[in-house]
């Protein structure tokens, strides 16, 4: 993989990590269009995911610092309550990661599945647009249900941000609250997975040159930063239906191309 292909895949990763259109699904489509195989290159995966995590931290830096300062006081306050809800949301994905990781990884590579899940994403976004009330803050029960939704979003083509935001809106959560919660709840799982990957021993077998890794990182970081800020505004305005139309069109196109 050359630096230009890495840059394109990094931009795709950064944009689609936050936009409700499925980063995993678009990466599969991108790899197919570019004719590159990076699914087994763990280092590239760690680099682009690390870039999107860093972009999230930059966007929510003030909120993260506030949450950290409140949490380390080791007493129940608004910040501690919020952090505990994030921990609750992580329980389902931790179970999936520990016991079903191999099964989930076996699903990647199927463009037909990607197309079908993009249509499911479109349906969820449409339901959230017209049925989401957005009137209350996130409860512990909501946090767990949103965490379950995040588990389903490990399927390629089913958008993580789209699924979690849509679930929160359908539960009645406020638009600005669920947007921030959706982006913050994924930080620890991705960081944890990256750290485990770094110590797995497979990281040294990367065949991708440094220039390509750097291009992928920069592409993912800057596109992720832009997409994160853009998505917050989109959720507040309730314009998710446009992404639903996009997912429907891409999903149907992928299914048609695969079957034909």
Protein backbone atom coordinates (compact mmCIF):
# COMPACT_ATOMS: atom_id res chain seq x y z
CA UNK A 1 0.00 0.00 0.00
CA UNK A 2 1.49 3.34 -1.06
CA UNK A 3 1.13 6.64 0.78
CA UNK A 4 -1.75 7.88 -1.41
CA UNK A 5 -3.84 4.73 -0.83
CA UNK A 6 -3.10 4.99 2.90
CA UNK A 7 -4.15 8.65 2.89
CA UNK A 8 -7.44 7.83 1.17
CA UNK A 9 -8.21 4.99 3.62
CA UNK A 10 -7.23 7.23 6.55
CA UNK A 11 -9.60 9.96 5.38
CA UNK A 12 -12.37 7.39 4.90
CA UNK A 13 -11.75 6.05 8.42
CA UNK A 14 -11.75 9.51 10.01
CA UNK A 15 -14.85 10.77 8.21
CA UNK A 16 -16.96 7.65 8.61
CA UNK A 17 -15.97 6.99 12.24
CA UNK A 18 -18.11 9.95 13.26
CA UNK A 19 -20.56 10.33 10.40
CA UNK A 20 -23.39 7.77 10.72
CA UNK A 21 -22.44 5.83 7.60
CA UNK A 22 -20.23 2.99 9.03
CA UNK A 23 -16.44 3.29 9.03
CA UNK A 24 -15.94 -0.48 8.82
CA UNK A 25 -18.31 -0.77 5.88
CA UNK A 26 -16.72 2.10 3.97
CA UNK A 27 -13.23 0.77 4.65
CA UNK A 28 -14.26 -2.56 3.12
CA UNK A 29 -15.66 -0.71 0.10
CA UNK A 30 -12.56 1.50 -0.10
CA UNK A 31 -10.18 -1.47 0.03
CA UNK A 32 -12.18 -3.21 -2.70
CA UNK A 33 -12.12 -0.13 -4.95
CA UNK A 34 -8.41 0.50 -4.38
CA UNK A 35 -7.53 -3.16 -4.63
CA UNK A 36 -5.50 -3.18 -1.40
CA UNK A 37 -5.46 -5.72 1.40
CA UNK A 38 -4.80 -4.25 4.85
CA UNK A 39 -7.20 -6.32 6.96
CA UNK A 40 -4.31 -8.38 8.33
CA UNK A 41 -2.00 -5.40 8.91
CA UNK A 42 -2.56 -4.71 12.58
CA UNK A 43 -0.25 -1.71 12.75
CA UNK A 44 -2.18 0.26 10.13
CA UNK A 45 -5.44 -0.47 11.95
CA UNK A 46 -3.95 0.71 15.26
CA UNK A 47 -2.57 3.88 13.66
CA UNK A 48 -5.80 5.05 11.99
CA UNK A 49 -7.97 4.15 14.99
CA UNK A 50 -5.51 5.92 17.27
CA UNK A 51 -5.77 8.99 15.05
CA UNK A 52 -9.56 9.10 15.34
CA UNK A 53 -9.33 8.71 19.13
CA UNK A 54 -6.88 11.61 19.25
CA UNK A 55 -9.19 13.77 17.13
CA UNK A 56 -12.06 13.03 19.53
CA UNK A 57 -9.92 14.02 22.51
CA UNK A 58 -9.01 17.30 20.80
CA UNK A 59 -12.66 18.15 20.05
CA UNK A 60 -13.88 17.27 23.57
CA UNK A 61 -10.74 18.30 25.46
CA UNK A 62 -12.47 20.73 27.84
CA UNK A 63 -15.25 18.25 28.65
CA UNK A 64 -12.77 15.40 29.18
CA UNK A 65 -10.62 17.49 31.53
CA UNK A 66 -13.73 18.50 33.49
CA UNK A 67 -14.89 14.88 33.76
CA UNK A 68 -11.44 13.71 34.86
CA UNK A 69 -11.10 16.39 37.55
CA UNK A 70 -14.54 15.57 38.92
CA UNK A 71 -13.99 11.81 38.81
CA UNK A 72 -10.65 11.81 40.68
CA UNK A 73 -12.31 13.52 43.65
CA UNK A 74 -13.68 10.01 44.38
CA UNK A 75 -17.10 11.22 45.42
CA UNK A 76 -20.46 11.22 43.71
CA UNK A 77 -20.92 14.35 41.64
CA UNK A 78 -22.13 15.25 38.16
CA UNK A 79 -18.83 14.26 36.54
CA UNK A 80 -18.53 10.95 38.40
CA UNK A 81 -22.11 10.10 37.49
CA UNK A 82 -21.35 10.73 33.82
CA UNK A 83 -18.15 8.64 33.85
CA UNK A 84 -19.95 5.76 35.56
CA UNK A 85 -22.58 5.82 32.82
CA UNK A 86 -19.78 5.52 30.26
CA UNK A 87 -18.43 2.50 32.15
CA UNK A 88 -21.91 0.95 32.13
CA UNK A 89 -22.15 1.47 28.37
CA UNK A 90 -18.84 -0.39 27.95
CA UNK A 91 -20.01 -3.62 29.61
CA UNK A 92 -21.69 -5.18 26.53
CA UNK A 93 -18.82 -4.41 24.14
CA UNK A 94 -16.29 -5.78 26.62
CA UNK A 95 -18.19 -9.07 26.74
CA UNK A 96 -18.30 -9.25 22.94
CA UNK A 97 -14.60 -8.40 22.71
CA UNK A 98 -13.60 -11.07 25.22
CA UNK A 99 -15.76 -13.96 24.02
CA UNK A 100 -16.84 -13.30 20.43
CA UNK A 101 -13.90 -11.42 18.86
CA UNK A 102 -12.93 -14.20 16.44
CA UNK A 103 -16.52 -14.60 15.24
CA UNK A 104 -16.90 -10.87 14.66
CA UNK A 105 -13.62 -10.68 12.73
CA UNK A 106 -14.78 -13.55 10.50
CA UNK A 107 -17.67 -11.37 9.27
CA UNK A 108 -15.38 -8.80 7.69
CA UNK A 109 -14.69 -9.11 3.97
CA UNK A 110 -18.31 -9.69 2.93
CA UNK A 111 -19.50 -6.74 0.82
CA UNK A 112 -22.99 -8.26 0.68
CA UNK A 113 -23.21 -8.03 4.47
CA UNK A 114 -21.92 -4.45 4.31
CA UNK A 115 -24.69 -3.50 1.86
CA UNK A 116 -27.40 -5.09 4.00
CA UNK A 117 -26.17 -3.43 7.20
CA UNK A 118 -25.99 -0.03 5.50
CA UNK A 119 -29.70 -0.40 4.75
CA UNK A 120 -30.32 -1.27 8.42
CA UNK A 121 -28.36 1.88 9.35
CA UNK A 122 -30.60 3.90 7.02
CA UNK A 123 -33.68 2.47 8.74
CA UNK A 124 -32.38 3.32 12.22
CA UNK A 125 -31.51 6.88 11.24
CA UNK A 126 -34.95 7.37 9.66
CA UNK A 127 -36.72 6.08 12.78
CA UNK A 128 -34.59 8.32 15.01
CA UNK A 129 -35.36 11.37 12.85
CA UNK A 130 -39.12 10.99 13.05
CA UNK A 131 -39.64 9.15 16.35
CA UNK A 132 -36.83 10.46 18.57
CA UNK A 133 -38.21 12.83 21.18
CA UNK A 134 -34.96 14.14 22.69
CA UNK A 135 -36.29 15.52 25.96
CA UNK A 136 -34.29 13.98 28.83
CA UNK A 137 -30.76 13.24 29.99
CA UNK A 138 -29.15 9.80 29.72
CA UNK A 139 -29.90 7.37 32.56
CA UNK A 140 -27.91 4.28 33.59
CA UNK A 141 -30.53 2.13 31.88
CA UNK A 142 -30.15 4.20 28.72
CA UNK A 143 -26.36 3.89 28.91
CA UNK A 144 -26.57 0.09 29.03
CA UNK A 145 -29.03 -0.09 26.13
CA UNK A 146 -26.85 2.26 24.08
CA UNK A 147 -23.94 -0.04 24.93
CA UNK A 148 -25.91 -3.00 23.58
CA UNK A 149 -26.53 -1.03 20.39
CA UNK A 150 -22.79 -0.42 20.11
CA UNK A 151 -22.25 -4.20 20.25
CA UNK A 152 -24.49 -4.70 17.23
CA UNK A 153 -22.52 -2.01 15.42
CA UNK A 154 -19.43 -4.24 15.29
CA UNK A 155 -21.05 -5.67 12.14
CA UNK A 156 -19.44 -4.10 9.05
CA UNK A 157 -21.88 -1.67 7.49
CA UNK A 158 -23.81 -0.94 10.68
CA UNK A 159 -22.67 2.51 11.77
CA UNK A 160 -21.46 2.73 15.38
CA UNK A 161 -22.17 6.43 15.76
CA UNK A 162 -25.41 6.13 13.81
CA UNK A 163 -26.63 3.16 15.85
CA UNK A 164 -25.75 4.62 19.25
CA UNK A 165 -27.09 8.10 18.46
CA UNK A 166 -30.28 6.70 16.92
CA UNK A 167 -30.80 4.42 19.95
CA UNK A 168 -30.35 7.33 22.34
CA UNK A 169 -32.81 9.50 20.42
CA UNK A 170 -35.37 6.68 20.31
CA UNK A 171 -34.96 6.33 24.09
CA UNK A 172 -35.85 10.01 24.42
CA UNK A 173 -32.40 11.45 25.16
CA UNK A 174 -31.53 15.05 24.29
CA UNK A 175 -29.81 15.49 20.94
CA UNK A 176 -26.71 17.29 22.23
CA UNK A 177 -26.35 14.87 25.17
CA UNK A 178 -26.45 11.71 23.06
CA UNK A 179 -24.05 13.12 20.45
CA UNK A 180 -21.37 13.81 23.05
CA UNK A 181 -22.02 10.55 24.91
CA UNK A 182 -21.79 8.52 21.70
CA UNK A 183 -18.36 9.92 20.88
CA UNK A 184 -16.94 9.74 24.42
CA UNK A 185 -18.17 6.21 25.19
CA UNK A 186 -15.99 4.67 22.49
CA UNK A 187 -12.69 6.24 23.60
CA UNK A 188 -11.76 3.70 26.28
CA UNK A 189 -12.73 0.57 24.25
CA UNK A 190 -10.70 1.72 21.23
CA UNK A 191 -7.73 2.74 23.37
CA UNK A 192 -7.91 -0.57 25.22
CA UNK A 193 -8.06 -2.57 22.00
CA UNK A 194 -5.12 -0.64 20.56
CA UNK A 195 -3.02 -1.17 23.68
CA UNK A 196 -3.74 -4.92 23.63
CA UNK A 197 -2.82 -5.00 19.94
CA UNK A 198 0.48 -3.26 20.64
CA UNK A 199 1.41 -5.98 23.13
CA UNK A 200 0.11 -8.86 21.04
CA UNK A 201 3.39 -9.37 19.18
CA UNK A 202 1.74 -9.16 15.73
CA UNK A 203 2.42 -5.45 15.44
CA UNK A 204 5.99 -5.96 14.21
CA UNK A 205 4.90 -7.90 11.12
CA UNK A 206 3.59 -4.82 9.31
CA UNK A 207 4.63 -4.53 5.67
CA UNK A 208 3.38 -0.95 5.26
CA UNK A 209 6.14 1.71 4.99
CA UNK A 210 6.38 4.57 7.49
CA UNK A 211 5.31 7.19 4.93
CA UNK A 212 2.06 5.29 4.33
CA UNK A 213 1.43 4.94 8.07
CA UNK A 214 2.02 8.68 8.53
CA UNK A 215 -0.29 9.54 5.63
CA UNK A 216 -3.00 7.27 7.04
CA UNK A 217 -2.63 8.83 10.50
CA UNK A 218 -2.82 12.42 9.25
CA UNK A 219 -5.75 11.63 6.97
CA UNK A 220 -7.68 9.95 9.78
CA UNK A 221 -6.89 12.65 12.34
CA UNK A 222 -7.84 15.75 10.36
CA UNK A 223 -10.88 14.20 8.68
CA UNK A 224 -11.98 12.77 12.04
CA UNK A 225 -11.63 16.16 13.74
CA UNK A 226 -13.72 17.83 11.03
CA UNK A 227 -16.35 15.07 10.95
CA UNK A 228 -16.71 15.03 14.75
CA UNK A 229 -17.42 18.77 14.96
CA UNK A 230 -19.71 18.61 11.92
CA UNK A 231 -21.66 15.65 13.30
CA UNK A 232 -22.40 17.37 16.62
CA UNK A 233 -24.14 20.17 14.74
CA UNK A 234 -26.01 17.74 12.49
CA UNK A 235 -27.45 15.81 15.44
CA UNK A 236 -28.56 19.02 17.16
CA UNK A 237 -30.37 20.09 13.98
CA UNK A 238 -31.97 16.66 13.54
CA UNK A 239 -30.73 16.21 9.96
CA UNK A 240 -29.94 12.49 10.22
CA UNK A 241 -32.40 11.58 7.47
CA UNK A 242 -29.95 12.82 4.82
CA UNK A 243 -27.43 10.23 5.98
CA UNK A 244 -30.20 7.65 5.91
CA UNK A 245 -30.77 8.39 2.22
CA UNK A 246 -27.03 8.15 1.57
CA UNK A 247 -26.73 4.80 3.41
CA UNK A 248 -29.73 3.43 1.51
CA UNK A 249 -28.29 4.39 -1.86
CA UNK A 250 -24.80 3.04 -1.08
CA UNK A 251 -26.23 -0.12 0.49
CA UNK A 252 -28.40 -0.92 -2.51
CA UNK A 253 -25.51 -0.14 -4.88
CA UNK A 254 -23.16 -2.48 -3.02
CA UNK A 255 -25.75 -5.29 -2.93
CA UNK A 256 -26.48 -4.89 -6.66
CA UNK A 257 -22.76 -4.77 -7.57
CA UNK A 258 -22.02 -7.82 -5.41
CA UNK A 259 -24.86 -9.97 -6.71
CA UNK A 260 -24.27 -9.00 -10.35
